[in-house]
């Protein structure tokens, strides 16, 4: 049985970087700032996000630091060089929120 973990995320994008893959596929990475917890006791987290192909093209063109975005993602779990378990979120679908300046 194959298990696929999915996540729906809402947050502000930061540190957008374009990466050329060995296969020539467009790819971008960025950090998604999300708020977790109850009001007054929120914790800010930065989640690693990856987008490929057409999604990467659109996000690269229109996504700017601090802009709010809604993401549907698949969760990718892998081991780093020290065999520590890491995760990243691979964008399936997305929507920009607010006006062109990111205001809601």
PDB file of N, CA and C in Angstrom:
ATOM      1  N   UNK A   1       0.833  -1.175   0.000  1.00  0.00           N
ATOM      2  CA  UNK A   1       0.000   0.000   0.000  1.00  0.00           C
ATOM      3  C   UNK A   1       0.881   1.242   0.000  1.00  0.00           C
ATOM      4  N   UNK A   2       0.569   2.191  -0.859  1.00  0.00           N
ATOM      5  CA  UNK A   2       1.315   3.434  -0.940  1.00  0.00           C
ATOM      6  C   UNK A   2       0.564   4.496  -0.158  1.00  0.00           C
ATOM      7  N   UNK A   3       1.285   5.171   0.721  1.00  0.00           N
ATOM      8  CA  UNK A   3       0.676   6.244   1.509  1.00  0.00           C
ATOM      9  C   UNK A   3       1.178   7.587   0.995  1.00  0.00           C
ATOM     10  N   UNK A   4       0.261   8.519   0.822  1.00  0.00           N
ATOM     11  CA  UNK A   4       0.623   9.867   0.401  1.00  0.00           C
ATOM     12  C   UNK A   4       0.116  10.829   1.460  1.00  0.00           C
ATOM     13  N   UNK A   5       1.029  11.601   2.011  1.00  0.00           N
ATOM     14  CA  UNK A   5       0.650  12.602   3.002  1.00  0.00           C
ATOM     15  C   UNK A   5       0.409  13.921   2.284  1.00  0.00           C
ATOM     16  N   UNK A   6      -0.687  14.569   2.615  1.00  0.00           N
ATOM     17  CA  UNK A   6      -1.034  15.856   2.007  1.00  0.00           C
ATOM     18  C   UNK A   6      -1.170  16.896   3.100  1.00  0.00           C
ATOM     19  N   UNK A   7      -0.965  18.146   2.700  1.00  0.00           N
ATOM     20  CA  UNK A   7      -1.110  19.257   3.639  1.00  0.00           C
ATOM     21  C   UNK A   7      -1.724  20.446   2.920  1.00  0.00           C
ATOM     22  N   UNK A   8      -2.576  21.152   3.616  1.00  0.00           N
ATOM     23  CA  UNK A   8      -3.124  22.413   3.130  1.00  0.00           C
ATOM     24  C   UNK A   8      -2.529  23.500   4.010  1.00  0.00           C
ATOM     25  N   UNK A   9      -1.870  24.461   3.377  1.00  0.00           N
ATOM     26  CA  UNK A   9      -1.128  25.478   4.117  1.00  0.00           C
ATOM     27  C   UNK A   9      -1.559  26.877   3.707  1.00  0.00           C
ATOM     28  N   UNK A  10      -1.472  27.785   4.644  1.00  0.00           N
ATOM     29  CA  UNK A  10      -1.758  29.193   4.401  1.00  0.00           C
ATOM     30  C   UNK A  10      -0.698  29.981   5.147  1.00  0.00           C
ATOM     31  N   UNK A  11      -0.003  30.866   4.429  1.00  0.00           N
ATOM     32  CA  UNK A  11       1.044  31.639   5.086  1.00  0.00           C
ATOM     33  C   UNK A  11       1.652  32.658   4.147  1.00  0.00           C
ATOM     34  N   UNK A  12       2.733  33.263   4.612  1.00  0.00           N
ATOM     35  CA  UNK A  12       3.440  34.287   3.849  1.00  0.00           C
ATOM     36  C   UNK A  12       4.755  33.716   3.323  1.00  0.00           C
ATOM     37  N   UNK A  13       5.040  33.976   2.061  1.00  0.00           N
ATOM     38  CA  UNK A  13       6.230  33.437   1.403  1.00  0.00           C
ATOM     39  C   UNK A  13       7.454  34.310   1.658  1.00  0.00           C
ATOM     40  N   UNK A  14       8.617  33.662   1.807  1.00  0.00           N
ATOM     41  CA  UNK A  14       9.888  34.366   1.989  1.00  0.00           C
ATOM     42  C   UNK A  14      11.014  33.580   1.319  1.00  0.00           C
ATOM     43  N   UNK A  15      12.062  34.283   0.919  1.00  0.00           N
ATOM     44  CA  UNK A  15      13.300  33.695   0.393  1.00  0.00           C
ATOM     45  C   UNK A  15      13.084  32.819  -0.843  1.00  0.00           C
ATOM     46  N   UNK A  16      12.397  33.338  -1.826  1.00  0.00           N
ATOM     47  CA  UNK A  16      12.136  32.620  -3.076  1.00  0.00           C
ATOM     48  C   UNK A  16      13.437  32.466  -3.867  1.00  0.00           C
ATOM     49  N   UNK A  17      13.747  31.237  -4.281  1.00  0.00           N
ATOM     50  CA  UNK A  17      14.962  30.957  -5.055  1.00  0.00           C
ATOM     51  C   UNK A  17      14.634  30.066  -6.237  1.00  0.00           C
ATOM     52  N   UNK A  18      15.130  30.438  -7.411  1.00  0.00           N
ATOM     53  CA  UNK A  18      14.955  29.611  -8.609  1.00  0.00           C
ATOM     54  C   UNK A  18      16.141  28.670  -8.710  1.00  0.00           C
ATOM     55  N   UNK A  19      15.852  27.416  -9.054  1.00  0.00           N
ATOM     56  CA  UNK A  19      16.892  26.392  -9.181  1.00  0.00           C
ATOM     57  C   UNK A  19      16.703  25.666 -10.505  1.00  0.00           C
ATOM     58  N   UNK A  20      17.777  25.496 -11.244  1.00  0.00           N
ATOM     59  CA  UNK A  20      17.732  24.711 -12.482  1.00  0.00           C
ATOM     60  C   UNK A  20      18.085  23.270 -12.123  1.00  0.00           C
ATOM     61  N   UNK A  21      17.228  22.327 -12.465  1.00  0.00           N
ATOM     62  CA  UNK A  21      17.482  20.921 -12.168  1.00  0.00           C
ATOM     63  C   UNK A  21      18.345  20.299 -13.267  1.00  0.00           C
ATOM     64  N   UNK A  22      18.904  19.150 -12.989  1.00  0.00           N
ATOM     65  CA  UNK A  22      19.729  18.443 -13.972  1.00  0.00           C
ATOM     66  C   UNK A  22      18.945  18.065 -15.218  1.00  0.00           C
ATOM     67  N   UNK A  23      17.643  17.855 -15.045  1.00  0.00           N
ATOM     68  CA  UNK A  23      16.795  17.464 -16.175  1.00  0.00           C
ATOM     69  C   UNK A  23      16.263  18.665 -16.946  1.00  0.00           C
ATOM     70  N   UNK A  24      16.589  19.882 -16.473  1.00  0.00           N
ATOM     71  CA  UNK A  24      16.128  21.088 -17.141  1.00  0.00           C
ATOM     72  C   UNK A  24      14.748  21.548 -16.701  1.00  0.00           C
ATOM     73  N   UNK A  25      14.154  20.843 -15.738  1.00  0.00           N
ATOM     74  CA  UNK A  25      12.831  21.204 -15.223  1.00  0.00           C
ATOM     75  C   UNK A  25      12.958  22.432 -14.318  1.00  0.00           C
ATOM     76  N   UNK A  26      12.053  23.401 -14.480  1.00  0.00           N
ATOM     77  CA  UNK A  26      12.059  24.576 -13.611  1.00  0.00           C
ATOM     78  C   UNK A  26      11.652  24.181 -12.203  1.00  0.00           C
ATOM     79  N   UNK A  27      12.325  24.789 -11.224  1.00  0.00           N
ATOM     80  CA  UNK A  27      12.042  24.492  -9.822  1.00  0.00           C
ATOM     81  C   UNK A  27      12.292  25.757  -9.016  1.00  0.00           C
ATOM     82  N   UNK A  28      11.434  26.012  -8.025  1.00  0.00           N
ATOM     83  CA  UNK A  28      11.691  27.081  -7.069  1.00  0.00           C
ATOM     84  C   UNK A  28      11.529  26.530  -5.662  1.00  0.00           C
ATOM     85  N   UNK A  29      12.222  27.166  -4.740  1.00  0.00           N
ATOM     86  CA  UNK A  29      12.066  26.843  -3.325  1.00  0.00           C
ATOM     87  C   UNK A  29      11.790  28.143  -2.588  1.00  0.00           C
ATOM     88  N   UNK A  30      11.047  28.050  -1.504  1.00  0.00           N
ATOM     89  CA  UNK A  30      10.860  29.194  -0.627  1.00  0.00           C
ATOM     90  C   UNK A  30      10.422  28.710   0.743  1.00  0.00           C
ATOM     91  N   UNK A  31      10.428  29.614   1.680  1.00  0.00           N
ATOM     92  CA  UNK A  31       9.985  29.323   3.035  1.00  0.00           C
ATOM     93  C   UNK A  31       8.588  29.909   3.201  1.00  0.00           C
ATOM     94  N   UNK A  32       7.698  29.159   3.815  1.00  0.00           N
ATOM     95  CA  UNK A  32       6.343  29.640   4.091  1.00  0.00           C
ATOM     96  C   UNK A  32       6.234  29.903   5.591  1.00  0.00           C
ATOM     97  N   UNK A  33       6.002  31.154   5.935  1.00  0.00           N
ATOM     98  CA  UNK A  33       5.843  31.515   7.351  1.00  0.00           C
ATOM     99  C   UNK A  33       4.399  31.243   7.742  1.00  0.00           C
ATOM    100  N   UNK A  34       4.233  30.369   8.727  1.00  0.00           N
ATOM    101  CA  UNK A  34       2.894  30.007   9.207  1.00  0.00           C
ATOM    102  C   UNK A  34       2.822  30.260  10.706  1.00  0.00           C
ATOM    103  N   UNK A  35       1.599  30.450  11.187  1.00  0.00           N
ATOM    104  CA  UNK A  35       1.361  30.691  12.594  1.00  0.00           C
ATOM    105  C   UNK A  35       0.659  29.469  13.162  1.00  0.00           C
ATOM    106  N   UNK A  36       1.167  28.977  14.273  1.00  0.00           N
ATOM    107  CA  UNK A  36       0.603  27.786  14.896  1.00  0.00           C
ATOM    108  C   UNK A  36       0.262  28.111  16.349  1.00  0.00           C
ATOM    109  N   UNK A  37      -0.866  27.628  16.799  1.00  0.00           N
ATOM    110  CA  UNK A  37      -1.231  27.800  18.200  1.00  0.00           C
ATOM    111  C   UNK A  37      -2.417  28.710  18.397  1.00  0.00           C
ATOM    112  N   UNK A  38      -2.752  28.926  19.645  1.00  0.00           N
ATOM    113  CA  UNK A  38      -3.902  29.752  20.010  1.00  0.00           C
ATOM    114  C   UNK A  38      -3.504  31.222  20.056  1.00  0.00           C
ATOM    115  N   UNK A  39      -4.485  32.076  19.875  1.00  0.00           N
ATOM    116  CA  UNK A  39      -4.248  33.521  19.903  1.00  0.00           C
ATOM    117  C   UNK A  39      -3.597  33.919  21.226  1.00  0.00           C
ATOM    118  N   UNK A  40      -2.549  34.692  21.132  1.00  0.00           N
ATOM    119  CA  UNK A  40      -1.811  35.109  22.317  1.00  0.00           C
ATOM    120  C   UNK A  40      -0.646  34.197  22.638  1.00  0.00           C
ATOM    121  N   UNK A  41      -0.658  32.987  22.094  1.00  0.00           N
ATOM    122  CA  UNK A  41       0.429  32.030  22.331  1.00  0.00           C
ATOM    123  C   UNK A  41       0.888  31.431  21.007  1.00  0.00           C
ATOM    124  N   UNK A  42       0.842  32.249  19.939  1.00  0.00           N
ATOM    125  CA  UNK A  42       1.217  31.738  18.623  1.00  0.00           C
ATOM    126  C   UNK A  42       2.705  31.441  18.537  1.00  0.00           C
ATOM    127  N   UNK A  43       3.013  30.487  17.713  1.00  0.00           N
ATOM    128  CA  UNK A  43       4.393  30.134  17.410  1.00  0.00           C
ATOM    129  C   UNK A  43       4.566  30.296  15.902  1.00  0.00           C
ATOM    130  N   UNK A  44       5.601  30.992  15.490  1.00  0.00           N
ATOM    131  CA  UNK A  44       5.860  31.175  14.062  1.00  0.00           C
ATOM    132  C   UNK A  44       6.807  30.077  13.594  1.00  0.00           C
ATOM    133  N   UNK A  45       6.436  29.439  12.487  1.00  0.00           N
ATOM    134  CA  UNK A  45       7.267  28.388  11.896  1.00  0.00           C
ATOM    135  C   UNK A  45       7.536  28.736  10.435  1.00  0.00           C
ATOM    136  N   UNK A  46       8.690  28.323   9.931  1.00  0.00           N
ATOM    137  CA  UNK A  46       9.018  28.477   8.518  1.00  0.00           C
ATOM    138  C   UNK A  46       9.114  27.086   7.904  1.00  0.00           C
ATOM    139  N   UNK A  47       8.241  26.796   6.936  1.00  0.00           N
ATOM    140  CA  UNK A  47       8.184  25.478   6.311  1.00  0.00           C
ATOM    141  C   UNK A  47       8.846  25.519   4.935  1.00  0.00           C
ATOM    142  N   UNK A  48       9.628  24.491   4.598  1.00  0.00           N
ATOM    143  CA  UNK A  48      10.283  24.444   3.287  1.00  0.00           C
ATOM    144  C   UNK A  48       9.307  24.018   2.187  1.00  0.00           C
ATOM    145  N   UNK A  49       9.192  24.848   1.144  1.00  0.00           N
ATOM    146  CA  UNK A  49       8.257  24.610   0.047  1.00  0.00           C
ATOM    147  C   UNK A  49       9.039  24.448  -1.253  1.00  0.00           C
ATOM    148  N   UNK A  50       8.582  23.522  -2.113  1.00  0.00           N
ATOM    149  CA  UNK A  50       9.186  23.292  -3.431  1.00  0.00           C
ATOM    150  C   UNK A  50       8.074  23.272  -4.473  1.00  0.00           C
ATOM    151  N   UNK A  51       8.329  23.912  -5.620  1.00  0.00           N
ATOM    152  CA  UNK A  51       7.366  23.883  -6.733  1.00  0.00           C
ATOM    153  C   UNK A  51       8.127  23.596  -8.020  1.00  0.00           C
ATOM    154  N   UNK A  52       7.497  22.857  -8.932  1.00  0.00           N
ATOM    155  CA  UNK A  52       8.106  22.469 -10.199  1.00  0.00           C
ATOM    156  C   UNK A  52       7.292  22.960 -11.391  1.00  0.00           C
ATOM    157  N   UNK A  53       7.939  23.005 -12.542  1.00  0.00           N
ATOM    158  CA  UNK A  53       7.320  23.236 -13.856  1.00  0.00           C
ATOM    159  C   UNK A  53       6.446  24.485 -13.914  1.00  0.00           C
ATOM    160  N   UNK A  54       5.197  24.341 -14.389  1.00  0.00           N
ATOM    161  CA  UNK A  54       4.308  25.492 -14.589  1.00  0.00           C
ATOM    162  C   UNK A  54       4.028  26.212 -13.271  1.00  0.00           C
ATOM    163  N   UNK A  55       3.841  25.469 -12.190  1.00  0.00           N
ATOM    164  CA  UNK A  55       3.622  26.110 -10.884  1.00  0.00           C
ATOM    165  C   UNK A  55       4.822  26.965 -10.502  1.00  0.00           C
ATOM    166  N   UNK A  56       6.019  26.449 -10.739  1.00  0.00           N
ATOM    167  CA  UNK A  56       7.239  27.199 -10.438  1.00  0.00           C
ATOM    168  C   UNK A  56       7.313  28.477 -11.265  1.00  0.00           C
ATOM    169  N   UNK A  57       6.940  28.398 -12.539  1.00  0.00           N
ATOM    170  CA  UNK A  57       6.975  29.575 -13.416  1.00  0.00           C
ATOM    171  C   UNK A  57       6.058  30.683 -12.901  1.00  0.00           C
ATOM    172  N   UNK A  58       4.827  30.329 -12.540  1.00  0.00           N
ATOM    173  CA  UNK A  58       3.858  31.333 -12.081  1.00  0.00           C
ATOM    174  C   UNK A  58       4.259  31.891 -10.721  1.00  0.00           C
ATOM    175  N   UNK A  59       4.655  31.019  -9.800  1.00  0.00           N
ATOM    176  CA  UNK A  59       5.057  31.487  -8.476  1.00  0.00           C
ATOM    177  C   UNK A  59       6.282  32.393  -8.566  1.00  0.00           C
ATOM    178  N   UNK A  60       7.241  32.037  -9.413  1.00  0.00           N
ATOM    179  CA  UNK A  60       8.437  32.865  -9.572  1.00  0.00           C
ATOM    180  C   UNK A  60       8.069  34.260 -10.090  1.00  0.00           C
ATOM    181  N   UNK A  61       7.116  34.312 -10.986  1.00  0.00           N
ATOM    182  CA  UNK A  61       6.741  35.583 -11.610  1.00  0.00           C
ATOM    183  C   UNK A  61       5.955  36.492 -10.659  1.00  0.00           C
ATOM    184  N   UNK A  62       5.051  35.947  -9.857  1.00  0.00           N
ATOM    185  CA  UNK A  62       4.124  36.768  -9.090  1.00  0.00           C
ATOM    186  C   UNK A  62       4.298  36.735  -7.571  1.00  0.00           C
ATOM    187  N   UNK A  63       4.999  35.748  -7.039  1.00  0.00           N
ATOM    188  CA  UNK A  63       5.131  35.639  -5.587  1.00  0.00           C
ATOM    189  C   UNK A  63       6.299  36.492  -5.102  1.00  0.00           C
ATOM    190  N   UNK A  64       6.034  37.343  -4.119  1.00  0.00           N
ATOM    191  CA  UNK A  64       7.072  38.193  -3.542  1.00  0.00           C
ATOM    192  C   UNK A  64       7.116  37.977  -2.038  1.00  0.00           C
ATOM    193  N   UNK A  65       8.221  38.375  -1.418  1.00  0.00           N
ATOM    194  CA  UNK A  65       8.376  38.208   0.028  1.00  0.00           C
ATOM    195  C   UNK A  65       7.217  38.849   0.789  1.00  0.00           C
ATOM    196  N   UNK A  66       6.639  38.089   1.689  1.00  0.00           N
ATOM    197  CA  UNK A  66       5.564  38.573   2.537  1.00  0.00           C
ATOM    198  C   UNK A  66       4.168  38.393   1.965  1.00  0.00           C
ATOM    199  N   UNK A  67       4.068  38.001   0.683  1.00  0.00           N
ATOM    200  CA  UNK A  67       2.756  37.828   0.055  1.00  0.00           C
ATOM    201  C   UNK A  67       2.091  36.558   0.586  1.00  0.00           C
ATOM    202  N   UNK A  68       0.798  36.670   0.893  1.00  0.00           N
ATOM    203  CA  UNK A  68       0.043  35.522   1.404  1.00  0.00           C
ATOM    204  C   UNK A  68      -0.337  34.586   0.271  1.00  0.00           C
ATOM    205  N   UNK A  69      -0.226  33.285   0.551  1.00  0.00           N
ATOM    206  CA  UNK A  69      -0.536  32.278  -0.454  1.00  0.00           C
ATOM    207  C   UNK A  69      -1.162  31.056   0.225  1.00  0.00           C
ATOM    208  N   UNK A  70      -2.099  30.444  -0.490  1.00  0.00           N
ATOM    209  CA  UNK A  70      -2.756  29.204  -0.067  1.00  0.00           C
ATOM    210  C   UNK A  70      -2.141  28.083  -0.890  1.00  0.00           C
ATOM    211  N   UNK A  71      -1.715  26.996  -0.242  1.00  0.00           N
ATOM    212  CA  UNK A  71      -1.067  25.888  -0.938  1.00  0.00           C
ATOM    213  C   UNK A  71      -1.694  24.554  -0.574  1.00  0.00           C
ATOM    214  N   UNK A  72      -1.911  23.708  -1.574  1.00  0.00           N
ATOM    215  CA  UNK A  72      -2.187  22.289  -1.363  1.00  0.00           C
ATOM    216  C   UNK A  72      -0.897  21.581  -1.745  1.00  0.00           C
ATOM    217  N   UNK A  73      -0.389  20.745  -0.848  1.00  0.00           N
ATOM    218  CA  UNK A  73       0.932  20.145  -1.053  1.00  0.00           C
ATOM    219  C   UNK A  73       0.936  18.658  -0.722  1.00  0.00           C
ATOM    220  N   UNK A  74       1.925  17.986  -1.295  1.00  0.00           N
ATOM    221  CA  UNK A  74       2.270  16.640  -0.863  1.00  0.00           C
ATOM    222  C   UNK A  74       3.471  16.769   0.064  1.00  0.00           C
ATOM    223  N   UNK A  75       3.503  15.968   1.111  1.00  0.00           N
ATOM    224  CA  UNK A  75       4.599  16.019   2.068  1.00  0.00           C
ATOM    225  C   UNK A  75       5.651  14.995   1.665  1.00  0.00           C
ATOM    226  N   UNK A  76       6.881  15.465   1.495  1.00  0.00           N
ATOM    227  CA  UNK A  76       8.002  14.610   1.121  1.00  0.00           C
ATOM    228  C   UNK A  76       8.932  14.490   2.328  1.00  0.00           C
ATOM    229  N   UNK A  77       9.153  13.268   2.798  1.00  0.00           N
ATOM    230  CA  UNK A  77      10.041  13.021   3.929  1.00  0.00           C
ATOM    231  C   UNK A  77      11.298  12.336   3.402  1.00  0.00           C
ATOM    232  N   UNK A  78      12.463  12.840   3.823  1.00  0.00           N
ATOM    233  CA  UNK A  78      13.731  12.275   3.361  1.00  0.00           C
ATOM    234  C   UNK A  78      14.766  12.368   4.477  1.00  0.00           C
ATOM    235  N   UNK A  79      15.905  11.725   4.279  1.00  0.00           N
ATOM    236  CA  UNK A  79      16.993  11.778   5.259  1.00  0.00           C
ATOM    237  C   UNK A  79      18.114  12.643   4.706  1.00  0.00           C
ATOM    238  N   UNK A  80      18.645  13.536   5.556  1.00  0.00           N
ATOM    239  CA  UNK A  80      19.747  14.393   5.133  1.00  0.00           C
ATOM    240  C   UNK A  80      21.077  13.643   5.260  1.00  0.00           C
ATOM    241  N   UNK A  81      22.195  14.353   5.074  1.00  0.00           N
ATOM    242  CA  UNK A  81      23.520  13.718   5.090  1.00  0.00           C
ATOM    243  C   UNK A  81      23.862  13.075   6.425  1.00  0.00           C
ATOM    244  N   UNK A  82      23.290  13.604   7.502  1.00  0.00           N
ATOM    245  CA  UNK A  82      23.528  13.030   8.831  1.00  0.00           C
ATOM    246  C   UNK A  82      22.465  11.991   9.205  1.00  0.00           C
ATOM    247  N   UNK A  83      21.678  11.553   8.232  1.00  0.00           N
ATOM    248  CA  UNK A  83      20.601  10.569   8.400  1.00  0.00           C
ATOM    249  C   UNK A  83      19.485  11.085   9.313  1.00  0.00           C
ATOM    250  N   UNK A  84      19.370  12.403   9.415  1.00  0.00           N
ATOM    251  CA  UNK A  84      18.279  13.006  10.182  1.00  0.00           C
ATOM    252  C   UNK A  84      17.072  13.165   9.264  1.00  0.00           C
ATOM    253  N   UNK A  85      15.899  12.801   9.774  1.00  0.00           N
ATOM    254  CA  UNK A  85      14.679  12.886   8.972  1.00  0.00           C
ATOM    255  C   UNK A  85      14.278  14.344   8.752  1.00  0.00           C
ATOM    256  N   UNK A  86      14.062  14.702   7.500  1.00  0.00           N
ATOM    257  CA  UNK A  86      13.653  16.058   7.112  1.00  0.00           C
ATOM    258  C   UNK A  86      12.378  15.964   6.285  1.00  0.00           C
ATOM    259  N   UNK A  87      11.714  17.089   6.119  1.00  0.00           N
ATOM    260  CA  UNK A  87      10.517  17.107   5.296  1.00  0.00           C
ATOM    261  C   UNK A  87      10.491  18.380   4.460  1.00  0.00           C
ATOM    262  N   UNK A  88       9.761  18.305   3.363  1.00  0.00           N
ATOM    263  CA  UNK A  88       9.486  19.474   2.532  1.00  0.00           C
ATOM    264  C   UNK A  88       8.100  19.288   1.937  1.00  0.00           C
ATOM    265  N   UNK A  89       7.517  20.385   1.522  1.00  0.00           N
ATOM    266  CA  UNK A  89       6.166  20.375   0.978  1.00  0.00           C
ATOM    267  C   UNK A  89       6.240  20.692  -0.509  1.00  0.00           C
ATOM    268  N   UNK A  90       5.704  19.799  -1.334  1.00  0.00           N
ATOM    269  CA  UNK A  90       5.740  19.958  -2.788  1.00  0.00           C
ATOM    270  C   UNK A  90       4.370  20.454  -3.252  1.00  0.00           C
ATOM    271  N   UNK A  91       4.361  21.611  -3.903  1.00  0.00           N
ATOM    272  CA  UNK A  91       3.123  22.277  -4.299  1.00  0.00           C
ATOM    273  C   UNK A  91       2.373  21.478  -5.357  1.00  0.00           C
ATOM    274  N   UNK A  92       1.082  21.225  -5.088  1.00  0.00           N
ATOM    275  CA  UNK A  92       0.175  20.614  -6.074  1.00  0.00           C
ATOM    276  C   UNK A  92      -0.661  21.705  -6.735  1.00  0.00           C
ATOM    277  N   UNK A  93      -1.332  22.506  -5.904  1.00  0.00           N
ATOM    278  CA  UNK A  93      -2.117  23.652  -6.386  1.00  0.00           C
ATOM    279  C   UNK A  93      -1.904  24.813  -5.431  1.00  0.00           C
ATOM    280  N   UNK A  94      -2.201  26.020  -5.907  1.00  0.00           N
ATOM    281  CA  UNK A  94      -1.998  27.198  -5.071  1.00  0.00           C
ATOM    282  C   UNK A  94      -2.956  28.310  -5.487  1.00  0.00           C
ATOM    283  N   UNK A  95      -3.094  29.302  -4.610  1.00  0.00           N
ATOM    284  CA  UNK A  95      -3.874  30.506  -4.905  1.00  0.00           C
ATOM    285  C   UNK A  95      -3.251  31.668  -4.150  1.00  0.00           C
ATOM    286  N   UNK A  96      -3.110  32.794  -4.838  1.00  0.00           N
ATOM    287  CA  UNK A  96      -2.629  34.007  -4.186  1.00  0.00           C
ATOM    288  C   UNK A  96      -3.789  34.624  -3.414  1.00  0.00           C
ATOM    289  N   UNK A  97      -3.497  35.216  -2.272  1.00  0.00           N
ATOM    290  CA  UNK A  97      -4.528  35.825  -1.440  1.00  0.00           C
ATOM    291  C   UNK A  97      -4.313  37.337  -1.359  1.00  0.00           C
ATOM    292  N   UNK A  98      -5.395  38.073  -1.270  1.00  0.00           N
ATOM    293  CA  UNK A  98      -5.308  39.517  -1.142  1.00  0.00           C
ATOM    294  C   UNK A  98      -5.117  40.211  -2.476  1.00  0.00           C
ATOM    295  N   UNK A  99      -4.849  41.516  -2.404  1.00  0.00           N
ATOM    296  CA  UNK A  99      -4.619  42.287  -3.625  1.00  0.00           C
ATOM    297  C   UNK A  99      -3.192  42.089  -4.120  1.00  0.00           C
ATOM    298  N   UNK A 100      -2.773  42.833  -5.135  1.00  0.00           N
ATOM    299  CA  UNK A 100      -1.453  42.628  -5.723  1.00  0.00           C
ATOM    300  C   UNK A 100      -0.316  42.933  -4.749  1.00  0.00           C
ATOM    301  N   UNK A 101      -0.619  43.659  -3.664  1.00  0.00           N
ATOM    302  CA  UNK A 101       0.372  43.958  -2.640  1.00  0.00           C
ATOM    303  C   UNK A 101       0.322  42.972  -1.481  1.00  0.00           C
ATOM    304  N   UNK A 102      -0.591  42.004  -1.553  1.00  0.00           N
ATOM    305  CA  UNK A 102      -0.709  41.000  -0.505  1.00  0.00           C
ATOM    306  C   UNK A 102      -1.630  41.403   0.625  1.00  0.00           C
ATOM    307  N   UNK A 103      -2.307  42.548   0.498  1.00  0.00           N
ATOM    308  CA  UNK A 103      -3.234  42.993   1.540  1.00  0.00           C
ATOM    309  C   UNK A 103      -4.560  42.235   1.437  1.00  0.00           C
ATOM    310  N   UNK A 104      -5.095  41.849   2.566  1.00  0.00           N
ATOM    311  CA  UNK A 104      -6.364  41.120   2.580  1.00  0.00           C
ATOM    312  C   UNK A 104      -7.505  42.093   2.751  1.00  0.00           C
TER     313      UNK A 104
END
